[in-house]
Amino acid sequence: MNDSIQKMISSKAKKAKTAMRILSRSSADIRNNTLLAMSENILKAKEEIQEVNRSDLENGKNTGLAAPLMQRLLLDDKKIERMADNLRQVAALPDPIGEVISMRERPNGLKIGTVRVPIGVVGVVYESRPDVTVEVSALCIKSGNGVILRGGSEAIHSNTILARILSDTAEAEGVPDAIQFVEIIDRQVVYELIRLPEYIDLVIPRGSNEFVQFLMRESDIPVLGHADGICHIYVDAAADLDMATNICTNAKVGYKVAVCNALETLLVHTDVAKEFLPGFCAIMNEAKVDIRGCDRTQKIVPDAKPATDDDWRTEYLDYILSIRVVDDIDTAIDHIETYGSHHSDAIITESYSASQRFLKEVDSAAVYVNASTVFTDGYEFGLGAEVGISTQKLHSRGPMGLEGLTSYKYIIYGDGQVRE
């Protein structure tokens, strides 16, 4: 083990812990003004950010980084404006710290309540999305948490400049050290980070399912895990097929294919399959999507490759789509519960009873009726941003925003009560 890395991570964790105590006691105005200043400084540095980002894009091209990952890495004008807007939106949200969640009076006169408090220090390990640096920092500052960021090698230059802008701004606004960024990409960093429960309170990984499962097994700190984003859309017998075409196209290729909320498996009721699939698959062919289908799908779409059992269990994050024709909603729900990852699943239907069954019986973090799964996002859900999307049930589920970065403590008011 490299002692210098161990000392560096320990030092950053200690600084974040000390900063968190100061930040959590700061006023909402200080935290909000910090976020607004960060937004302005991100926009002011747009050209510098994009120049640095080009280095990461060039390295990605030279190392053969997949096209969908290159798309996530790119910081164009629109993405930088969205990062700035993330910061403004988070600043505009209600302050979660100190919110009284509940208060009740016991028969003995004790008033017992719960109040929101920061989790503490959050360690975030993520891959080729530099906008994560901004989103996570924004939410942690607002919620009074310290944060240690360890981005992937693909975006090291972009992450470094963004973290520097955010950290310098925080210091100028009176909240120094709350944002700690690790500028080296040695894997030992991750091993050291998950071994510091005395300083770090929660680890949030943004990466492959294998990586998440590894951290959950090895970490001495609680890990907010997630499974793959194996997202489904079920086109019901009572679906508006034009709507279904628009939604399914959007969920697969209309936004980005390399996101965890993109459509991976399409389920189609047998009554509408012959009418729906040829036109939809023609659109997919134009978008260069590789179709893999069940036997019935292949009879309707002869160009489709045979789907294997592994296809139903795969998060492609690529221009690949699995399609299965099903007899009824029961089979569709059974398929989702058997092969899905409990992330985001949707039904397209004009039937109220079918929509309500789907909402009730599909046990996923986000369940949709007549809408695209790619809306599963903290920004789109009005959370301002997100630190990740959890498929766990404890302690946070779905897009994790400010509330997900808080815990609570009991507060008790008495007037002299003693226990007998």
Protein backbone atom coordinates (compact mmCIF):
# COMPACT_ATOMS: atom_id res chain seq x y z
CA MET A 1 0.00 0.00 0.00
CA ASN A 2 1.13 3.54 -0.77
CA ASP A 3 1.34 5.40 2.56
CA SER A 4 1.16 8.79 0.84
CA ILE A 5 -2.26 7.97 -0.65
CA GLN A 6 -3.50 6.71 2.68
CA LYS A 7 -2.37 9.90 4.41
CA MET A 8 -3.85 12.09 1.66
CA ILE A 9 -7.29 10.46 1.84
CA SER A 10 -7.27 10.54 5.64
CA SER A 11 -6.34 14.24 5.57
CA LYS A 12 -9.12 15.08 3.14
CA ALA A 13 -11.64 13.11 5.20
CA LYS A 14 -10.64 14.94 8.38
CA LYS A 15 -10.94 18.32 6.64
CA ALA A 16 -14.37 17.41 5.28
CA LYS A 17 -15.53 16.31 8.74
CA THR A 18 -14.39 19.57 10.33
CA ALA A 19 -15.92 21.61 7.51
CA MET A 20 -19.20 19.70 7.78
CA ARG A 21 -19.60 20.72 11.42
CA ILE A 22 -19.20 24.38 10.47
CA LEU A 23 -21.36 24.07 7.35
CA SER A 24 -24.20 22.32 9.19
CA ARG A 25 -24.39 25.23 11.64
CA SER A 26 -24.29 27.90 8.93
CA SER A 27 -27.37 29.84 7.91
CA ALA A 28 -29.44 28.89 4.88
CA ASP A 29 -28.51 32.25 3.34
CA ILE A 30 -24.79 31.43 3.47
CA ARG A 31 -25.32 28.05 1.83
CA ASN A 32 -27.70 29.44 -0.81
CA ASN A 33 -25.41 32.36 -1.65
CA THR A 34 -22.54 29.92 -2.01
CA LEU A 35 -24.52 27.90 -4.56
CA LEU A 36 -25.52 31.01 -6.51
CA ALA A 37 -21.91 32.18 -6.62
CA MET A 38 -20.87 28.72 -7.85
CA SER A 39 -23.45 28.98 -10.64
CA GLU A 40 -22.08 32.34 -11.77
CA ASN A 41 -18.48 31.15 -11.66
CA ILE A 42 -19.24 28.00 -13.66
CA LEU A 43 -20.73 30.15 -16.43
CA LYS A 44 -17.86 32.65 -16.29
CA ALA A 45 -15.35 29.83 -16.74
CA LYS A 46 -17.25 28.12 -19.57
CA GLU A 47 -14.53 28.51 -22.19
CA GLU A 48 -11.81 27.33 -19.82
CA ILE A 49 -13.94 24.33 -18.78
CA GLN A 50 -14.57 23.37 -22.41
CA GLU A 51 -10.90 23.72 -23.31
CA VAL A 52 -9.96 21.32 -20.50
CA ASN A 53 -12.86 19.04 -21.43
CA ARG A 54 -11.45 18.72 -24.94
CA SER A 55 -8.37 17.05 -23.41
CA ASP A 56 -10.56 14.37 -21.84
CA LEU A 57 -12.49 13.94 -25.10
CA GLU A 58 -9.25 13.54 -27.04
CA ASN A 59 -7.96 10.99 -24.55
CA GLY A 60 -11.27 9.14 -24.74
CA LYS A 61 -11.05 9.04 -28.51
CA ASN A 62 -7.47 7.75 -28.42
CA THR A 63 -8.33 5.02 -25.91
CA GLY A 64 -11.45 3.89 -27.77
CA LEU A 65 -14.02 5.08 -25.23
CA ALA A 66 -17.47 3.97 -26.40
CA ALA A 67 -19.57 6.58 -28.19
CA PRO A 68 -22.31 6.66 -25.51
CA LEU A 69 -19.66 7.31 -22.82
CA MET A 70 -18.10 10.02 -24.97
CA GLN A 71 -21.52 11.63 -25.10
CA ARG A 72 -21.73 11.63 -21.31
CA LEU A 73 -18.23 13.10 -21.09
CA LEU A 74 -18.89 16.05 -23.42
CA LEU A 75 -19.42 19.44 -21.77
CA ASP A 76 -21.15 21.51 -24.44
CA ASP A 77 -22.90 24.86 -23.89
CA LYS A 78 -26.20 23.19 -23.02
CA LYS A 79 -24.68 20.91 -20.41
CA ILE A 80 -22.74 23.71 -18.74
CA GLU A 81 -25.87 25.85 -18.58
CA ARG A 82 -27.71 22.94 -17.05
CA MET A 83 -24.99 22.52 -14.41
CA ALA A 84 -25.34 26.20 -13.54
CA ASP A 85 -29.11 25.81 -13.42
CA ASN A 86 -28.72 22.79 -11.13
CA LEU A 87 -26.94 25.04 -8.65
CA ARG A 88 -29.62 27.73 -8.90
CA GLN A 89 -32.43 25.21 -8.50
CA VAL A 90 -30.86 23.63 -5.44
CA ALA A 91 -30.39 27.08 -3.91
CA ALA A 92 -34.09 27.80 -4.44
CA LEU A 93 -35.25 24.64 -2.64
CA PRO A 94 -36.43 24.77 0.99
CA ASP A 95 -33.71 24.31 3.56
CA PRO A 96 -33.89 20.72 4.81
CA ILE A 97 -31.69 21.21 7.88
CA GLY A 98 -33.63 21.71 11.08
CA GLU A 99 -36.98 20.82 9.53
CA VAL A 100 -39.25 19.33 12.19
CA ILE A 101 -40.56 16.12 10.64
CA SER A 102 -42.91 15.16 13.49
CA MET A 103 -43.92 16.21 16.98
CA ARG A 104 -46.28 14.46 19.38
CA GLU A 105 -47.10 14.61 23.05
CA ARG A 106 -46.97 11.56 25.29
CA PRO A 107 -49.44 10.96 28.17
CA ASN A 108 -46.74 12.01 30.65
CA GLY A 109 -46.42 15.40 28.96
CA LEU A 110 -43.15 14.73 27.11
CA LYS A 111 -43.13 16.27 23.66
CA ILE A 112 -41.17 13.98 21.32
CA GLY A 113 -40.26 15.00 17.80
CA THR A 114 -37.85 14.31 14.95
CA VAL A 115 -35.78 16.90 13.13
CA ARG A 116 -33.69 16.66 9.94
CA VAL A 117 -29.89 16.71 10.29
CA PRO A 118 -27.04 16.20 7.79
CA ILE A 119 -25.72 12.67 7.33
CA GLY A 120 -22.16 13.95 7.81
CA VAL A 121 -19.45 13.34 5.22
CA VAL A 122 -20.37 11.66 1.94
CA GLY A 123 -17.80 9.88 -0.23
CA VAL A 124 -18.83 9.71 -3.90
CA VAL A 125 -17.05 7.50 -6.43
CA TYR A 126 -18.15 7.99 -10.03
CA GLU A 127 -17.15 7.51 -13.64
CA SER A 128 -17.29 9.49 -16.89
CA ARG A 129 -19.85 12.19 -16.00
CA PRO A 130 -18.22 15.47 -14.95
CA ASP A 131 -21.63 17.03 -14.26
CA VAL A 132 -21.83 14.68 -11.25
CA THR A 133 -19.12 16.81 -9.63
CA VAL A 134 -21.44 19.81 -9.70
CA GLU A 135 -24.68 18.03 -8.79
CA VAL A 136 -23.24 16.23 -5.79
CA SER A 137 -21.40 19.29 -4.50
CA ALA A 138 -24.56 21.40 -4.77
CA LEU A 139 -26.69 18.96 -2.81
CA CYS A 140 -24.05 18.41 -0.14
CA ILE A 141 -23.51 22.13 0.44
CA LYS A 142 -27.26 22.75 0.66
CA SER A 143 -27.81 19.84 3.05
CA GLY A 144 -24.87 20.72 5.29
CA ASN A 145 -22.75 17.70 4.39
CA GLY A 146 -19.06 17.52 3.67
CA VAL A 147 -18.14 15.60 0.51
CA ILE A 148 -15.14 13.74 -0.91
CA LEU A 149 -15.27 13.31 -4.69
CA ARG A 150 -13.33 10.68 -6.58
CA GLY A 151 -14.07 10.80 -10.32
CA GLY A 152 -12.96 8.40 -13.01
CA SER A 153 -9.87 8.63 -15.19
CA GLU A 154 -11.94 9.41 -18.30
CA ALA A 155 -12.96 12.83 -16.94
CA ILE A 156 -10.05 13.65 -14.64
CA HIS A 157 -9.21 17.01 -16.24
CA SER A 158 -12.85 18.14 -16.46
CA ASN A 159 -13.59 17.05 -12.91
CA THR A 160 -10.48 18.75 -11.59
CA ILE A 161 -11.32 22.17 -12.99
CA LEU A 162 -14.96 21.95 -11.93
CA ALA A 163 -14.00 20.89 -8.41
CA ARG A 164 -11.47 23.73 -8.20
CA ILE A 165 -14.08 26.32 -9.21
CA LEU A 166 -16.59 24.97 -6.70
CA SER A 167 -14.08 24.63 -3.87
CA ASP A 168 -12.57 28.09 -4.43
CA THR A 169 -16.04 29.61 -4.50
CA ALA A 170 -17.04 27.85 -1.29
CA GLU A 171 -13.93 29.13 0.43
CA ALA A 172 -14.58 32.69 -0.77
CA GLU A 173 -18.12 32.45 0.60
CA GLY A 174 -16.94 31.32 4.04
CA VAL A 175 -17.35 27.53 3.84
CA PRO A 176 -13.84 26.21 3.09
CA ASP A 177 -12.90 22.52 2.85
CA ALA A 178 -16.49 21.23 2.55
CA ILE A 179 -15.70 19.99 -0.98
CA GLN A 180 -12.69 17.67 -1.17
CA PHE A 181 -11.65 16.37 -4.58
CA VAL A 182 -9.15 13.56 -5.19
CA GLU A 183 -7.01 14.50 -8.18
CA ILE A 184 -5.30 11.12 -8.60
CA ILE A 185 -6.89 8.08 -10.22
CA ASP A 186 -5.00 5.32 -8.42
CA ARG A 187 -7.43 2.58 -7.42
CA GLN A 188 -5.99 2.58 -3.92
CA VAL A 189 -7.91 5.80 -3.33
CA VAL A 190 -11.18 3.86 -3.31
CA TYR A 191 -9.82 1.21 -0.92
CA GLU A 192 -8.66 3.89 1.49
CA LEU A 193 -11.87 5.89 1.25
CA ILE A 194 -14.08 2.96 2.28
CA ARG A 195 -11.90 2.25 5.33
CA LEU A 196 -12.58 5.51 7.20
CA PRO A 197 -15.88 5.11 9.09
CA GLU A 198 -14.63 7.50 11.77
CA TYR A 199 -14.73 10.35 9.23
CA ILE A 200 -16.96 9.27 6.35
CA ASP A 201 -20.62 8.43 7.00
CA LEU A 202 -21.93 7.26 3.62
CA VAL A 203 -20.41 6.03 0.34
CA ILE A 204 -22.32 6.61 -2.89
CA PRO A 205 -20.95 4.79 -5.96
CA ARG A 206 -21.91 5.77 -9.49
CA GLY A 207 -20.72 2.95 -11.72
CA SER A 208 -21.30 -0.62 -12.84
CA ASN A 209 -23.32 -3.05 -10.78
CA GLU A 210 -20.20 -5.16 -10.24
CA PHE A 211 -18.37 -2.16 -8.81
CA VAL A 212 -21.28 -1.27 -6.54
CA GLN A 213 -21.57 -4.83 -5.27
CA PHE A 214 -17.83 -4.91 -4.60
CA LEU A 215 -18.04 -1.76 -2.49
CA MET A 216 -21.04 -3.09 -0.59
CA ARG A 217 -19.07 -6.23 0.28
CA GLU A 218 -15.78 -4.54 1.16
CA SER A 219 -16.70 -1.19 2.68
CA ASP A 220 -16.54 -0.47 6.41
CA ILE A 221 -19.00 2.37 5.71
CA PRO A 222 -22.68 2.10 4.66
CA VAL A 223 -22.98 2.11 0.85
CA LEU A 224 -26.00 3.49 -0.97
CA GLY A 225 -26.14 0.74 -3.57
CA HIS A 226 -28.04 0.39 -6.79
CA ALA A 227 -28.60 -2.39 -9.24
CA ASP A 228 -28.30 -2.12 -13.02
CA GLY A 229 -30.82 0.06 -14.80
CA ILE A 230 -32.69 -2.70 -16.62
CA CYS A 231 -35.70 -0.55 -17.50
CA HIS A 232 -38.84 -1.86 -19.19
CA ILE A 233 -41.76 -0.40 -21.08
CA TYR A 234 -44.88 -2.52 -21.51
CA VAL A 235 -47.13 -1.60 -24.45
CA ASP A 236 -50.56 -2.78 -23.36
CA ALA A 237 -53.39 -4.01 -25.57
CA ALA A 238 -55.19 -0.75 -24.77
CA ALA A 239 -52.24 1.49 -25.68
CA ASP A 240 -52.37 4.50 -27.95
CA LEU A 241 -49.79 3.19 -30.43
CA ASP A 242 -48.67 6.61 -31.67
CA MET A 243 -48.00 7.57 -28.06
CA ALA A 244 -46.24 4.27 -27.49
CA THR A 245 -43.98 4.86 -30.48
CA ASN A 246 -43.02 8.34 -29.29
CA ILE A 247 -42.40 7.27 -25.71
CA CYS A 248 -40.43 4.13 -26.53
CA THR A 249 -38.30 5.99 -29.10
CA ASN A 250 -37.55 8.71 -26.58
CA ALA A 251 -36.74 6.20 -23.84
CA LYS A 252 -34.27 4.35 -26.06
CA VAL A 253 -32.61 6.91 -28.35
CA GLY A 254 -34.33 10.26 -27.87
CA TYR A 255 -32.20 11.29 -24.88
CA LYS A 256 -29.07 9.17 -24.32
CA VAL A 257 -28.56 5.42 -24.57
CA ALA A 258 -25.81 5.26 -21.93
CA VAL A 259 -27.95 6.33 -18.98
CA CYS A 260 -29.36 4.09 -16.28
CA ASN A 261 -32.97 5.13 -17.01
CA ALA A 262 -32.91 4.27 -20.73
CA LEU A 263 -35.18 1.57 -22.13
CA GLU A 264 -33.47 -1.84 -22.32
CA THR A 265 -36.38 -4.30 -22.71
CA LEU A 266 -39.65 -3.65 -24.52
CA LEU A 267 -42.69 -5.82 -23.75
CA VAL A 268 -45.58 -5.73 -26.22
CA HIS A 269 -49.06 -7.25 -25.84
CA THR A 270 -49.72 -9.85 -28.53
CA ASP A 271 -52.94 -8.09 -29.61
CA VAL A 272 -51.05 -5.02 -30.83
CA ALA A 273 -47.63 -6.48 -31.65
CA LYS A 274 -48.22 -6.94 -35.39
CA GLU A 275 -49.47 -3.38 -35.73
CA PHE A 276 -46.92 -1.73 -33.45
CA LEU A 277 -43.59 -3.49 -33.91
CA PRO A 278 -42.87 -3.08 -37.67
CA GLY A 279 -43.12 0.71 -37.59
CA PHE A 280 -41.32 1.09 -34.28
CA CYS A 281 -38.50 -1.26 -35.27
CA ALA A 282 -38.06 0.66 -38.53
CA ILE A 283 -37.37 3.75 -36.42
CA MET A 284 -34.92 1.75 -34.32
CA ASN A 285 -33.17 0.50 -37.46
CA GLU A 286 -32.72 4.10 -38.65
CA ALA A 287 -31.13 4.88 -35.29
CA LYS A 288 -28.78 1.88 -35.72
CA VAL A 289 -30.31 -0.01 -32.80
CA ASP A 290 -29.62 -3.75 -32.73
CA ILE A 291 -32.93 -5.57 -32.10
CA ARG A 292 -32.97 -8.84 -30.17
CA GLY A 293 -36.34 -10.54 -29.90
CA CYS A 294 -38.25 -13.58 -28.71
CA ASP A 295 -39.60 -16.10 -31.23
CA ARG A 296 -42.83 -14.16 -31.74
CA THR A 297 -40.93 -10.91 -32.19
CA GLN A 298 -38.72 -12.51 -34.86
CA LYS A 299 -41.78 -13.65 -36.83
CA ILE A 300 -43.00 -10.03 -36.94
CA VAL A 301 -39.56 -8.44 -37.32
CA PRO A 302 -37.46 -10.93 -39.37
CA ASP A 303 -34.26 -8.89 -38.97
CA ALA A 304 -34.34 -9.25 -35.18
CA LYS A 305 -31.66 -11.47 -33.67
CA PRO A 306 -32.70 -14.20 -31.22
CA ALA A 307 -32.89 -12.95 -27.63
CA THR A 308 -31.30 -15.13 -24.98
CA ASP A 309 -32.06 -15.34 -21.29
CA ASP A 310 -28.98 -13.18 -20.71
CA ASP A 311 -30.46 -10.41 -22.88
CA TRP A 312 -33.41 -10.04 -20.52
CA ARG A 313 -30.92 -9.58 -17.64
CA THR A 314 -28.61 -7.11 -19.37
CA GLU A 315 -28.27 -3.36 -19.00
CA TYR A 316 -26.84 -2.56 -22.43
CA LEU A 317 -26.17 1.19 -22.12
CA ASP A 318 -25.82 0.95 -25.88
CA TYR A 319 -27.75 0.82 -29.14
CA ILE A 320 -29.27 -2.58 -28.34
CA LEU A 321 -32.89 -3.35 -27.44
CA SER A 322 -34.54 -6.60 -26.37
CA ILE A 323 -38.18 -7.15 -27.31
CA ARG A 324 -40.65 -9.76 -26.04
CA VAL A 325 -44.25 -10.27 -27.10
CA VAL A 326 -46.44 -11.23 -24.13
CA ASP A 327 -49.96 -12.60 -23.78
CA ASP A 328 -51.20 -10.30 -21.03
CA ILE A 329 -50.30 -7.81 -18.31
CA ASP A 330 -49.66 -10.65 -15.84
CA THR A 331 -46.86 -12.00 -18.03
CA ALA A 332 -45.44 -8.49 -18.47
CA ILE A 333 -45.35 -7.85 -14.73
CA ASP A 334 -43.88 -11.31 -14.05
CA HIS A 335 -41.15 -10.62 -16.62
CA ILE A 336 -40.28 -7.29 -15.00
CA GLU A 337 -40.18 -8.80 -11.52
CA THR A 338 -38.07 -11.74 -12.75
CA TYR A 339 -35.52 -9.90 -14.86
CA GLY A 340 -35.76 -6.25 -13.82
CA SER A 341 -33.55 -4.27 -11.49
CA HIS A 342 -36.32 -2.29 -9.76
CA HIS A 343 -35.14 0.97 -11.30
CA SER A 344 -37.69 2.49 -13.72
CA ASP A 345 -40.51 0.73 -15.55
CA ALA A 346 -43.49 2.02 -17.53
CA ILE A 347 -46.81 0.96 -18.99
CA ILE A 348 -48.41 2.55 -22.05
CA THR A 349 -52.17 2.11 -21.83
CA GLU A 350 -55.51 3.87 -21.99
CA SER A 351 -56.94 1.38 -19.50
CA TYR A 352 -57.31 2.79 -15.99
CA SER A 353 -57.50 -0.66 -14.41
CA ALA A 354 -54.33 -1.83 -16.22
CA SER A 355 -52.44 1.30 -15.20
CA GLN A 356 -53.44 0.91 -11.56
CA ARG A 357 -52.44 -2.77 -11.50
CA PHE A 358 -49.06 -1.88 -12.98
CA LEU A 359 -48.49 0.90 -10.45
CA LYS A 360 -49.45 -1.37 -7.57
CA GLU A 361 -47.67 -4.56 -8.56
CA VAL A 362 -44.40 -3.39 -10.15
CA ASP A 363 -41.95 -2.96 -7.28
CA SER A 364 -39.54 -0.43 -8.77
CA ALA A 365 -38.14 2.86 -7.54
CA ALA A 366 -40.03 4.72 -10.29
CA VAL A 367 -43.16 3.36 -12.00
CA TYR A 368 -44.68 5.29 -14.92
CA VAL A 369 -47.97 5.43 -16.77
CA ASN A 370 -47.78 6.85 -20.31
CA ALA A 371 -44.40 8.56 -19.90
CA SER A 372 -40.76 7.91 -20.77
CA THR A 373 -38.51 6.26 -18.20
CA VAL A 374 -35.72 8.77 -18.84
CA PHE A 375 -37.53 11.24 -16.57
CA THR A 376 -36.09 9.35 -13.57
CA ASP A 377 -33.65 12.07 -12.65
CA GLY A 378 -33.32 14.45 -9.74
CA TYR A 379 -33.41 17.49 -12.02
CA GLU A 380 -36.58 16.32 -13.78
CA PHE A 381 -38.22 15.34 -10.49
CA GLY A 382 -37.79 18.86 -9.15
CA LEU A 383 -35.03 17.90 -6.70
CA GLY A 384 -32.62 20.35 -8.32
CA ALA A 385 -30.03 17.60 -8.80
CA GLU A 386 -29.23 14.12 -7.52
CA VAL A 387 -26.33 12.29 -5.97
CA GLY A 388 -27.53 9.06 -7.53
CA ILE A 389 -30.53 6.82 -8.13
CA SER A 390 -31.04 4.20 -5.48
CA THR A 391 -32.77 0.89 -6.10
CA GLN A 392 -32.48 0.04 -2.41
CA LYS A 393 -35.33 0.59 0.04
CA LEU A 394 -33.17 1.83 2.91
CA HIS A 395 -32.69 4.68 3.47
CA SER A 396 -33.43 6.38 0.16
CA ARG A 397 -35.10 5.16 -3.03
CA GLY A 398 -35.13 6.57 -6.55
CA PRO A 399 -33.41 9.87 -7.39
CA MET A 400 -31.63 10.92 -4.22
CA GLY A 401 -31.80 14.64 -3.51
CA LEU A 402 -31.65 16.76 -0.38
CA GLU A 403 -33.86 14.58 1.81
CA GLY A 404 -31.80 11.53 0.91
CA LEU A 405 -28.73 13.32 2.24
CA THR A 406 -30.29 13.86 5.63
CA SER A 407 -30.91 11.69 8.63
CA TYR A 408 -32.91 12.69 11.68
CA LYS A 409 -32.59 12.87 15.40
CA TYR A 410 -35.16 12.83 18.18
CA ILE A 411 -35.73 16.00 20.16
CA ILE A 412 -37.57 15.74 23.47
CA TYR A 413 -39.09 18.57 25.50
CA GLY A 414 -39.94 17.95 29.14
CA ASP A 415 -40.83 19.92 32.25
CA GLY A 416 -39.27 17.76 34.92
CA GLN A 417 -40.49 14.25 33.99
CA VAL A 418 -38.61 11.26 35.43
CA ARG A 419 -39.17 7.62 34.51
CA GLU A 420 -40.71 5.44 37.22
